Amino acid sequence: FCCVAGVGLDGEIARRANKLPRWLRAHGGYALTLPQALLHFAPFPMKVSIPDTAQPHRFLQRTAKPTILAAFANAPSYGGGMKIAPQAQLDDGQLDICLITDIDKLKLFCLFPTVYFGRHLSIPEVEYFQTSALRVETEHPLDVYADGEYVCQTPVEVGVAKAALRVIVL
């Protein structure tokens, strides 16, 4: 993927938004599908692991708790401008991880607009960190969406290849 991938509520929103007509999806479709997705979505047990610095091919558990959303990003925004990972840079060789743990649905709904400005990182239920790779495991398979498209189900292992894309500017 290029920009942002995720598991959880954002995947459910993407799934619902992808059913909308293209013109509507391009003009706020993700925000429009949030209320319905939020009503039908429940936090799920999730285990997140990151590489061991001493043995990069070995993963160490970073967190295991009920989670609403796990986004892994190369770029700061997705879904029509939501800055889920405001510190992400395409060329730094790191994935920016944003986890939203179990939070009251009304509180999440009210705080949703802060994501458009990248101001959600100060919320206690938001955990943000950088890593070169990530493993996400859930009790039951959950859909993983990348750049708005379905790609697979959990468990999933994601990494970043630093400077892997060459761009020629004409």
N, C-alpha and C. Protein backbone atom coordinates (compact mmCIF):
# COMPACT_ATOMS: atom_id res chain seq x y z
N PHE A 1 0.84 -1.18 0.00
CA PHE A 1 0.00 0.00 0.00
C PHE A 1 0.88 1.24 0.00
N CYS A 2 0.31 2.33 -0.32
CA CYS A 2 1.07 3.57 -0.42
C CYS A 2 0.89 4.46 0.81
N CYS A 3 -0.34 4.73 1.18
CA CYS A 3 -0.61 5.76 2.19
C CYS A 3 -0.93 5.20 3.57
N VAL A 4 -2.15 4.65 3.75
CA VAL A 4 -2.58 4.19 5.06
C VAL A 4 -3.36 2.89 4.94
N ALA A 5 -3.09 1.96 5.84
CA ALA A 5 -3.86 0.72 5.95
C ALA A 5 -4.40 0.64 7.37
N GLY A 6 -5.44 -0.17 7.55
CA GLY A 6 -6.00 -0.25 8.88
C GLY A 6 -6.90 -1.44 9.10
N VAL A 7 -7.13 -1.70 10.38
CA VAL A 7 -7.99 -2.78 10.84
C VAL A 7 -8.98 -2.17 11.83
N GLY A 8 -10.23 -2.57 11.74
CA GLY A 8 -11.20 -2.12 12.73
C GLY A 8 -12.22 -1.17 12.15
N LEU A 9 -12.54 -0.14 12.92
CA LEU A 9 -13.59 0.79 12.53
C LEU A 9 -13.31 1.44 11.19
N ASP A 10 -12.06 1.80 10.92
CA ASP A 10 -11.78 2.44 9.63
C ASP A 10 -12.03 1.49 8.46
N GLY A 11 -11.76 0.20 8.66
CA GLY A 11 -12.07 -0.79 7.63
C GLY A 11 -13.56 -0.93 7.42
N GLU A 12 -14.32 -0.89 8.51
CA GLU A 12 -15.78 -0.97 8.41
C GLU A 12 -16.33 0.27 7.70
N ILE A 13 -15.77 1.43 8.00
CA ILE A 13 -16.19 2.66 7.32
C ILE A 13 -15.85 2.57 5.83
N ALA A 14 -14.65 2.10 5.50
CA ALA A 14 -14.25 1.97 4.08
C ALA A 14 -15.17 0.99 3.36
N ARG A 15 -15.50 -0.12 4.01
CA ARG A 15 -16.38 -1.11 3.39
C ARG A 15 -17.74 -0.48 3.06
N ARG A 16 -18.28 0.26 4.01
CA ARG A 16 -19.58 0.90 3.79
C ARG A 16 -19.48 2.02 2.75
N ALA A 17 -18.42 2.81 2.82
CA ALA A 17 -18.25 3.93 1.87
C ALA A 17 -18.07 3.42 0.45
N ASN A 18 -17.40 2.28 0.29
CA ASN A 18 -17.18 1.73 -1.05
C ASN A 18 -18.48 1.30 -1.74
N LYS A 19 -19.55 1.16 -0.98
CA LYS A 19 -20.86 0.82 -1.55
C LYS A 19 -21.60 2.06 -2.06
N LEU A 20 -21.12 3.24 -1.68
CA LEU A 20 -21.76 4.49 -2.11
C LEU A 20 -21.38 4.81 -3.55
N PRO A 21 -22.19 5.61 -4.23
CA PRO A 21 -21.79 6.08 -5.56
C PRO A 21 -20.46 6.84 -5.47
N ARG A 22 -19.65 6.73 -6.50
CA ARG A 22 -18.31 7.32 -6.49
C ARG A 22 -18.34 8.82 -6.16
N TRP A 23 -19.29 9.56 -6.74
CA TRP A 23 -19.34 11.00 -6.51
C TRP A 23 -19.62 11.32 -5.04
N LEU A 24 -20.44 10.50 -4.38
CA LEU A 24 -20.75 10.73 -2.98
C LEU A 24 -19.57 10.32 -2.10
N ARG A 25 -18.93 9.22 -2.46
CA ARG A 25 -17.75 8.76 -1.71
C ARG A 25 -16.66 9.82 -1.74
N ALA A 26 -16.52 10.51 -2.88
CA ALA A 26 -15.49 11.54 -3.03
C ALA A 26 -15.83 12.83 -2.29
N HIS A 27 -17.07 12.99 -1.90
CA HIS A 27 -17.50 14.22 -1.22
C HIS A 27 -18.06 13.92 0.17
N GLY A 28 -17.25 13.32 0.99
CA GLY A 28 -17.64 13.09 2.38
C GLY A 28 -18.22 11.73 2.68
N GLY A 29 -18.03 10.78 1.78
CA GLY A 29 -18.59 9.45 1.97
C GLY A 29 -18.13 8.76 3.24
N TYR A 30 -16.86 8.96 3.60
CA TYR A 30 -16.34 8.32 4.80
C TYR A 30 -17.00 8.91 6.05
N ALA A 31 -17.14 10.22 6.08
CA ALA A 31 -17.79 10.86 7.23
C ALA A 31 -19.28 10.48 7.29
N LEU A 32 -19.90 10.33 6.13
CA LEU A 32 -21.33 9.97 6.10
C LEU A 32 -21.59 8.57 6.63
N THR A 33 -20.65 7.66 6.44
CA THR A 33 -20.87 6.28 6.88
C THR A 33 -20.45 6.05 8.34
N LEU A 34 -19.80 7.02 8.95
CA LEU A 34 -19.34 6.87 10.34
C LEU A 34 -20.46 6.53 11.31
N PRO A 35 -21.56 7.29 11.36
CA PRO A 35 -22.57 7.00 12.39
C PRO A 35 -23.10 5.56 12.34
N GLN A 36 -23.42 5.07 11.17
CA GLN A 36 -23.95 3.71 11.06
C GLN A 36 -22.88 2.68 11.41
N ALA A 37 -21.66 2.90 10.94
CA ALA A 37 -20.57 1.96 11.25
C ALA A 37 -20.32 1.93 12.75
N LEU A 38 -20.35 3.09 13.38
CA LEU A 38 -20.09 3.19 14.81
C LEU A 38 -21.15 2.46 15.63
N LEU A 39 -22.40 2.55 15.20
CA LEU A 39 -23.48 1.86 15.91
C LEU A 39 -23.32 0.34 15.89
N HIS A 40 -22.80 -0.19 14.80
CA HIS A 40 -22.73 -1.65 14.63
C HIS A 40 -21.35 -2.22 14.92
N PHE A 41 -20.43 -1.39 15.38
CA PHE A 41 -19.06 -1.85 15.58
C PHE A 41 -18.75 -1.96 17.06
N ALA A 42 -18.05 -3.02 17.44
CA ALA A 42 -17.65 -3.21 18.84
C ALA A 42 -16.13 -3.35 18.91
N PRO A 43 -15.52 -2.89 20.00
CA PRO A 43 -14.08 -3.08 20.17
C PRO A 43 -13.74 -4.57 20.11
N PHE A 44 -12.54 -4.87 19.65
CA PHE A 44 -12.12 -6.26 19.49
C PHE A 44 -10.78 -6.46 20.18
N PRO A 45 -10.56 -7.65 20.76
CA PRO A 45 -9.24 -7.93 21.33
C PRO A 45 -8.20 -7.97 20.22
N MET A 46 -7.09 -7.25 20.41
CA MET A 46 -6.06 -7.19 19.40
C MET A 46 -4.68 -7.22 20.05
N LYS A 47 -3.79 -7.97 19.43
CA LYS A 47 -2.40 -8.03 19.88
C LYS A 47 -1.53 -7.38 18.81
N VAL A 48 -0.74 -6.39 19.21
CA VAL A 48 0.17 -5.69 18.31
C VAL A 48 1.59 -6.02 18.73
N SER A 49 2.39 -6.46 17.77
CA SER A 49 3.78 -6.79 18.04
C SER A 49 4.68 -6.01 17.09
N ILE A 50 5.88 -5.66 17.59
CA ILE A 50 6.86 -4.93 16.79
C ILE A 50 8.18 -5.69 16.83
N PRO A 51 9.09 -5.41 15.88
CA PRO A 51 10.36 -6.14 15.84
C PRO A 51 11.20 -5.92 17.10
N ASP A 52 11.87 -6.98 17.51
CA ASP A 52 12.85 -6.92 18.59
C ASP A 52 14.08 -6.22 18.03
N THR A 53 14.56 -5.18 18.69
CA THR A 53 15.73 -4.45 18.17
C THR A 53 16.98 -5.31 18.12
N ALA A 54 17.10 -6.27 19.03
CA ALA A 54 18.26 -7.16 19.04
C ALA A 54 18.16 -8.24 17.96
N GLN A 55 16.95 -8.69 17.67
CA GLN A 55 16.71 -9.73 16.67
C GLN A 55 15.55 -9.28 15.78
N PRO A 56 15.82 -8.50 14.72
CA PRO A 56 14.76 -7.88 13.91
C PRO A 56 13.73 -8.84 13.32
N HIS A 57 14.06 -10.13 13.17
CA HIS A 57 13.09 -11.07 12.60
C HIS A 57 12.17 -11.66 13.67
N ARG A 58 12.41 -11.29 14.93
CA ARG A 58 11.59 -11.74 16.04
C ARG A 58 10.69 -10.58 16.49
N PHE A 59 9.43 -10.87 16.74
CA PHE A 59 8.49 -9.83 17.16
C PHE A 59 8.22 -9.92 18.65
N LEU A 60 8.10 -8.75 19.28
CA LEU A 60 7.77 -8.64 20.70
C LEU A 60 6.41 -7.96 20.84
N GLN A 61 5.60 -8.47 21.74
CA GLN A 61 4.27 -7.90 21.94
C GLN A 61 4.39 -6.50 22.51
N ARG A 62 3.74 -5.55 21.86
CA ARG A 62 3.73 -4.16 22.34
C ARG A 62 2.47 -3.88 23.14
N THR A 63 1.34 -4.39 22.68
CA THR A 63 0.08 -4.16 23.37
C THR A 63 -0.89 -5.28 23.08
N ALA A 64 -1.81 -5.50 23.99
CA ALA A 64 -2.90 -6.47 23.80
C ALA A 64 -4.08 -5.96 24.60
N LYS A 65 -5.01 -5.32 23.91
CA LYS A 65 -6.17 -4.75 24.60
C LYS A 65 -7.32 -4.56 23.62
N PRO A 66 -8.53 -4.36 24.13
CA PRO A 66 -9.65 -4.08 23.23
C PRO A 66 -9.36 -2.81 22.43
N THR A 67 -9.60 -2.89 21.14
CA THR A 67 -9.22 -1.82 20.22
C THR A 67 -10.37 -1.50 19.28
N ILE A 68 -10.50 -0.23 18.95
CA ILE A 68 -11.51 0.23 17.98
C ILE A 68 -10.89 0.28 16.59
N LEU A 69 -9.64 0.72 16.52
CA LEU A 69 -9.01 0.98 15.24
C LEU A 69 -7.51 0.86 15.36
N ALA A 70 -6.89 0.27 14.36
CA ALA A 70 -5.43 0.24 14.26
C ALA A 70 -5.08 0.68 12.85
N ALA A 71 -4.41 1.83 12.73
CA ALA A 71 -4.00 2.34 11.42
C ALA A 71 -2.49 2.32 11.34
N PHE A 72 -1.96 1.86 10.20
CA PHE A 72 -0.51 1.86 9.97
C PHE A 72 -0.27 2.67 8.71
N ALA A 73 0.60 3.68 8.83
CA ALA A 73 0.65 4.71 7.79
C ALA A 73 2.05 5.02 7.30
N ASN A 74 2.14 5.24 5.98
CA ASN A 74 3.31 5.82 5.34
C ASN A 74 3.11 7.32 5.16
N ALA A 75 1.86 7.72 5.00
CA ALA A 75 1.50 9.11 4.75
C ALA A 75 0.55 9.59 5.85
N PRO A 76 0.43 10.90 6.03
CA PRO A 76 -0.36 11.41 7.15
C PRO A 76 -1.86 11.18 7.08
N SER A 77 -2.45 11.18 5.87
CA SER A 77 -3.90 11.20 5.83
C SER A 77 -4.51 10.18 4.88
N TYR A 78 -5.80 9.94 5.13
CA TYR A 78 -6.60 9.05 4.29
C TYR A 78 -8.06 9.43 4.40
N GLY A 79 -8.91 8.74 3.62
CA GLY A 79 -10.35 8.93 3.74
C GLY A 79 -10.83 10.35 3.54
N GLY A 80 -10.30 11.04 2.55
CA GLY A 80 -10.78 12.39 2.27
C GLY A 80 -10.17 13.45 3.17
N GLY A 81 -8.97 13.23 3.66
CA GLY A 81 -8.27 14.26 4.42
C GLY A 81 -8.16 14.04 5.91
N MET A 82 -8.53 12.87 6.41
CA MET A 82 -8.38 12.60 7.85
C MET A 82 -6.91 12.35 8.15
N LYS A 83 -6.32 13.17 9.01
CA LYS A 83 -4.90 13.07 9.36
C LYS A 83 -4.73 12.08 10.51
N ILE A 84 -4.91 10.82 10.20
CA ILE A 84 -4.83 9.76 11.21
C ILE A 84 -3.41 9.62 11.76
N ALA A 85 -2.41 9.92 10.92
CA ALA A 85 -1.00 9.82 11.32
C ALA A 85 -0.29 11.11 10.95
N PRO A 86 -0.55 12.19 11.68
CA PRO A 86 -0.06 13.51 11.27
C PRO A 86 1.46 13.65 11.19
N GLN A 87 2.20 12.76 11.83
CA GLN A 87 3.66 12.85 11.80
C GLN A 87 4.29 11.95 10.74
N ALA A 88 3.48 11.22 10.00
CA ALA A 88 3.99 10.27 9.01
C ALA A 88 4.66 10.99 7.84
N GLN A 89 5.74 10.36 7.34
CA GLN A 89 6.47 10.86 6.18
C GLN A 89 6.72 9.70 5.24
N LEU A 90 6.49 9.91 3.96
CA LEU A 90 6.64 8.84 2.98
C LEU A 90 8.07 8.32 2.87
N ASP A 91 9.06 9.15 3.19
CA ASP A 91 10.45 8.78 2.93
C ASP A 91 11.30 8.53 4.17
N ASP A 92 10.68 8.30 5.33
CA ASP A 92 11.48 8.13 6.55
C ASP A 92 11.78 6.67 6.90
N GLY A 93 11.23 5.73 6.14
CA GLY A 93 11.50 4.32 6.41
C GLY A 93 10.78 3.78 7.64
N GLN A 94 9.79 4.50 8.13
CA GLN A 94 9.05 4.10 9.32
C GLN A 94 7.55 4.05 9.03
N LEU A 95 6.87 3.15 9.71
CA LEU A 95 5.41 3.14 9.71
C LEU A 95 4.96 3.91 10.95
N ASP A 96 4.01 4.78 10.79
CA ASP A 96 3.41 5.46 11.92
C ASP A 96 2.16 4.68 12.29
N ILE A 97 2.05 4.32 13.56
CA ILE A 97 0.95 3.48 14.04
C ILE A 97 0.05 4.31 14.94
N CYS A 98 -1.24 4.26 14.66
CA CYS A 98 -2.23 4.93 15.50
C CYS A 98 -3.23 3.88 15.96
N LEU A 99 -3.26 3.65 17.26
CA LEU A 99 -4.21 2.71 17.87
C LEU A 99 -5.22 3.50 18.68
N ILE A 100 -6.49 3.20 18.47
CA ILE A 100 -7.53 3.80 19.31
C ILE A 100 -8.14 2.65 20.10
N THR A 101 -7.88 2.69 21.40
CA THR A 101 -8.34 1.60 22.27
C THR A 101 -9.79 1.84 22.65
N ASP A 102 -10.31 0.97 23.47
CA ASP A 102 -11.72 1.00 23.86
C ASP A 102 -12.10 2.39 24.36
N ILE A 103 -13.05 3.01 23.67
CA ILE A 103 -13.50 4.36 23.99
C ILE A 103 -15.02 4.38 23.85
N ASP A 104 -15.66 5.18 24.66
CA ASP A 104 -17.11 5.34 24.58
C ASP A 104 -17.48 5.82 23.17
N LYS A 105 -18.51 5.22 22.58
CA LYS A 105 -18.89 5.54 21.20
C LYS A 105 -19.30 7.00 21.04
N LEU A 106 -20.01 7.55 22.01
CA LEU A 106 -20.41 8.95 21.93
C LEU A 106 -19.19 9.86 21.97
N LYS A 107 -18.24 9.54 22.85
CA LYS A 107 -17.01 10.33 22.93
C LYS A 107 -16.24 10.24 21.61
N LEU A 108 -16.15 9.05 21.04
CA LEU A 108 -15.45 8.87 19.77
C LEU A 108 -16.14 9.68 18.66
N PHE A 109 -17.46 9.62 18.62
CA PHE A 109 -18.21 10.37 17.60
C PHE A 109 -17.95 11.87 17.74
N CYS A 110 -17.95 12.37 18.97
CA CYS A 110 -17.72 13.80 19.20
C CYS A 110 -16.28 14.21 18.88
N LEU A 111 -15.34 13.30 19.09
CA LEU A 111 -13.93 13.61 18.83
C LEU A 111 -13.51 13.35 17.39
N PHE A 112 -14.36 12.71 16.62
CA PHE A 112 -14.04 12.35 15.24
C PHE A 112 -13.51 13.53 14.41
N PRO A 113 -14.11 14.73 14.50
CA PRO A 113 -13.60 15.84 13.69
C PRO A 113 -12.15 16.22 13.99
N THR A 114 -11.64 15.92 15.18
CA THR A 114 -10.25 16.26 15.50
C THR A 114 -9.27 15.51 14.61
N VAL A 115 -9.68 14.36 14.07
CA VAL A 115 -8.81 13.58 13.20
C VAL A 115 -8.49 14.35 11.92
N TYR A 116 -9.42 15.15 11.43
CA TYR A 116 -9.19 15.93 10.22
C TYR A 116 -8.07 16.96 10.40
N PHE A 117 -7.80 17.33 11.63
CA PHE A 117 -6.75 18.31 11.92
C PHE A 117 -5.53 17.67 12.58
N GLY A 118 -5.56 16.36 12.77
CA GLY A 118 -4.44 15.66 13.41
C GLY A 118 -4.32 15.97 14.88
N ARG A 119 -5.42 16.35 15.53
CA ARG A 119 -5.39 16.74 16.94
C ARG A 119 -5.86 15.65 17.89
N HIS A 120 -6.00 14.45 17.40
CA HIS A 120 -6.50 13.34 18.21
C HIS A 120 -5.42 12.67 19.05
N LEU A 121 -4.15 12.99 18.80
CA LEU A 121 -3.06 12.28 19.48
C LEU A 121 -3.01 12.54 20.98
N SER A 122 -3.62 13.61 21.45
CA SER A 122 -3.60 13.92 22.88
C SER A 122 -4.71 13.21 23.66
N ILE A 123 -5.59 12.52 22.97
CA ILE A 123 -6.69 11.80 23.62
C ILE A 123 -6.10 10.57 24.33
N PRO A 124 -6.44 10.33 25.60
CA PRO A 124 -5.84 9.22 26.35
C PRO A 124 -6.01 7.84 25.69
N GLU A 125 -7.10 7.64 24.96
CA GLU A 125 -7.34 6.34 24.34
C GLU A 125 -6.59 6.15 23.02
N VAL A 126 -5.79 7.13 22.63
CA VAL A 126 -5.01 7.05 21.38
C VAL A 126 -3.56 6.77 21.72
N GLU A 127 -3.02 5.73 21.10
CA GLU A 127 -1.60 5.40 21.24
C GLU A 127 -0.95 5.57 19.87
N TYR A 128 0.17 6.30 19.83
CA TYR A 128 0.83 6.62 18.56
C TYR A 128 2.31 6.32 18.69
N PHE A 129 2.85 5.58 17.73
CA PHE A 129 4.28 5.28 17.75
C PHE A 129 4.76 4.95 16.34
N GLN A 130 6.07 4.87 16.18
CA GLN A 130 6.68 4.52 14.89
C GLN A 130 7.44 3.21 15.03
N THR A 131 7.47 2.46 13.93
CA THR A 131 8.20 1.20 13.89
C THR A 131 8.50 0.85 12.44
N SER A 132 9.45 -0.05 12.24
CA SER A 132 9.78 -0.46 10.87
C SER A 132 8.86 -1.57 10.37
N ALA A 133 8.24 -2.29 11.29
CA ALA A 133 7.33 -3.38 10.92
C ALA A 133 6.33 -3.58 12.06
N LEU A 134 5.28 -4.33 11.75
CA LEU A 134 4.19 -4.50 12.70
C LEU A 134 3.49 -5.82 12.42
N ARG A 135 3.07 -6.49 13.47
CA ARG A 135 2.22 -7.68 13.33
C ARG A 135 0.95 -7.42 14.13
N VAL A 136 -0.20 -7.65 13.49
CA VAL A 136 -1.50 -7.45 14.13
C VAL A 136 -2.23 -8.78 14.13
N GLU A 137 -2.66 -9.21 15.32
CA GLU A 137 -3.42 -10.45 15.46
C GLU A 137 -4.71 -10.16 16.21
N THR A 138 -5.79 -10.79 15.76
CA THR A 138 -7.09 -10.64 16.41
C THR A 138 -7.67 -12.02 16.67
N GLU A 139 -8.60 -12.11 17.64
CA GLU A 139 -9.23 -13.39 17.96
C GLU A 139 -9.93 -14.00 16.76
N HIS A 140 -10.64 -13.16 16.03
CA HIS A 140 -11.36 -13.59 14.83
C HIS A 140 -10.83 -12.77 13.66
N PRO A 141 -10.78 -13.35 12.47
CA PRO A 141 -10.28 -12.59 11.32
C PRO A 141 -11.08 -11.31 11.09
N LEU A 142 -10.36 -10.21 10.93
CA LEU A 142 -10.97 -8.92 10.61
C LEU A 142 -10.40 -8.43 9.30
N ASP A 143 -11.21 -7.70 8.54
CA ASP A 143 -10.77 -7.17 7.26
C ASP A 143 -9.71 -6.10 7.44
N VAL A 144 -8.73 -6.11 6.54
CA VAL A 144 -7.70 -5.09 6.48
C VAL A 144 -7.92 -4.31 5.19
N TYR A 145 -8.02 -3.00 5.31
CA TYR A 145 -8.18 -2.12 4.15
C TYR A 145 -6.92 -1.28 4.01
N ALA A 146 -6.47 -1.09 2.77
CA ALA A 146 -5.31 -0.25 2.49
C ALA A 146 -5.69 0.73 1.40
N ASP A 147 -5.47 1.99 1.67
CA ASP A 147 -5.82 3.06 0.72
C ASP A 147 -7.26 2.92 0.24
N GLY A 148 -8.15 2.54 1.16
CA GLY A 148 -9.57 2.44 0.87
C GLY A 148 -10.04 1.16 0.22
N GLU A 149 -9.13 0.21 -0.01
CA GLU A 149 -9.49 -1.04 -0.68
C GLU A 149 -9.22 -2.24 0.23
N TYR A 150 -10.08 -3.25 0.15
CA TYR A 150 -9.87 -4.48 0.90
C TYR A 150 -8.61 -5.18 0.39
N VAL A 151 -7.74 -5.64 1.32
CA VAL A 151 -6.53 -6.36 0.91
C VAL A 151 -6.42 -7.76 1.49
N CYS A 152 -6.85 -7.96 2.74
CA CYS A 152 -6.72 -9.28 3.36
C CYS A 152 -7.46 -9.26 4.70
N GLN A 153 -7.25 -10.32 5.48
CA GLN A 153 -7.79 -10.37 6.84
C GLN A 153 -6.64 -10.61 7.81
N THR A 154 -6.89 -10.28 9.08
CA THR A 154 -5.91 -10.55 10.11
C THR A 154 -5.81 -12.05 10.33
N PRO A 155 -4.65 -12.53 10.76
CA PRO A 155 -3.46 -11.81 11.16
C PRO A 155 -2.73 -11.22 9.95
N VAL A 156 -2.03 -10.11 10.19
CA VAL A 156 -1.30 -9.45 9.11
C VAL A 156 0.04 -8.95 9.64
N GLU A 157 1.03 -9.01 8.79
CA GLU A 157 2.35 -8.49 9.10
C GLU A 157 2.67 -7.44 8.05
N VAL A 158 3.06 -6.26 8.50
CA VAL A 158 3.29 -5.13 7.60
C VAL A 158 4.68 -4.57 7.86
N GLY A 159 5.38 -4.22 6.80
CA GLY A 159 6.70 -3.60 6.93
C GLY A 159 6.84 -2.50 5.90
N VAL A 160 7.88 -1.73 6.03
CA VAL A 160 8.14 -0.65 5.08
C VAL A 160 9.51 -0.88 4.45
N ALA A 161 9.57 -0.67 3.15
CA ALA A 161 10.83 -0.79 2.43
C ALA A 161 11.33 0.63 2.16
N LYS A 162 12.37 1.04 2.85
CA LYS A 162 12.87 2.40 2.74
C LYS A 162 13.42 2.67 1.34
N ALA A 163 13.03 3.79 0.76
CA ALA A 163 13.50 4.25 -0.56
C ALA A 163 13.29 3.20 -1.65
N ALA A 164 12.18 2.47 -1.59
CA ALA A 164 11.92 1.40 -2.56
C ALA A 164 11.30 1.90 -3.86
N LEU A 165 10.75 3.08 -3.86
CA LEU A 165 10.07 3.60 -5.03
C LEU A 165 10.89 4.72 -5.66
N ARG A 166 11.20 4.55 -6.92
CA ARG A 166 11.91 5.60 -7.65
C ARG A 166 10.89 6.38 -8.46
N VAL A 167 10.98 7.69 -8.37
CA VAL A 167 10.06 8.55 -9.09
C VAL A 167 10.86 9.41 -10.05
N ILE A 168 10.41 9.43 -11.30
CA ILE A 168 11.05 10.26 -12.31
C ILE A 168 10.14 11.44 -12.59
N VAL A 169 10.66 12.63 -12.41
CA VAL A 169 9.90 13.84 -12.66
C VAL A 169 10.31 14.38 -14.02
N LEU A 170 9.34 14.55 -14.89
CA LEU A 170 9.61 15.05 -16.24
C LEU A 170 9.37 16.54 -16.34
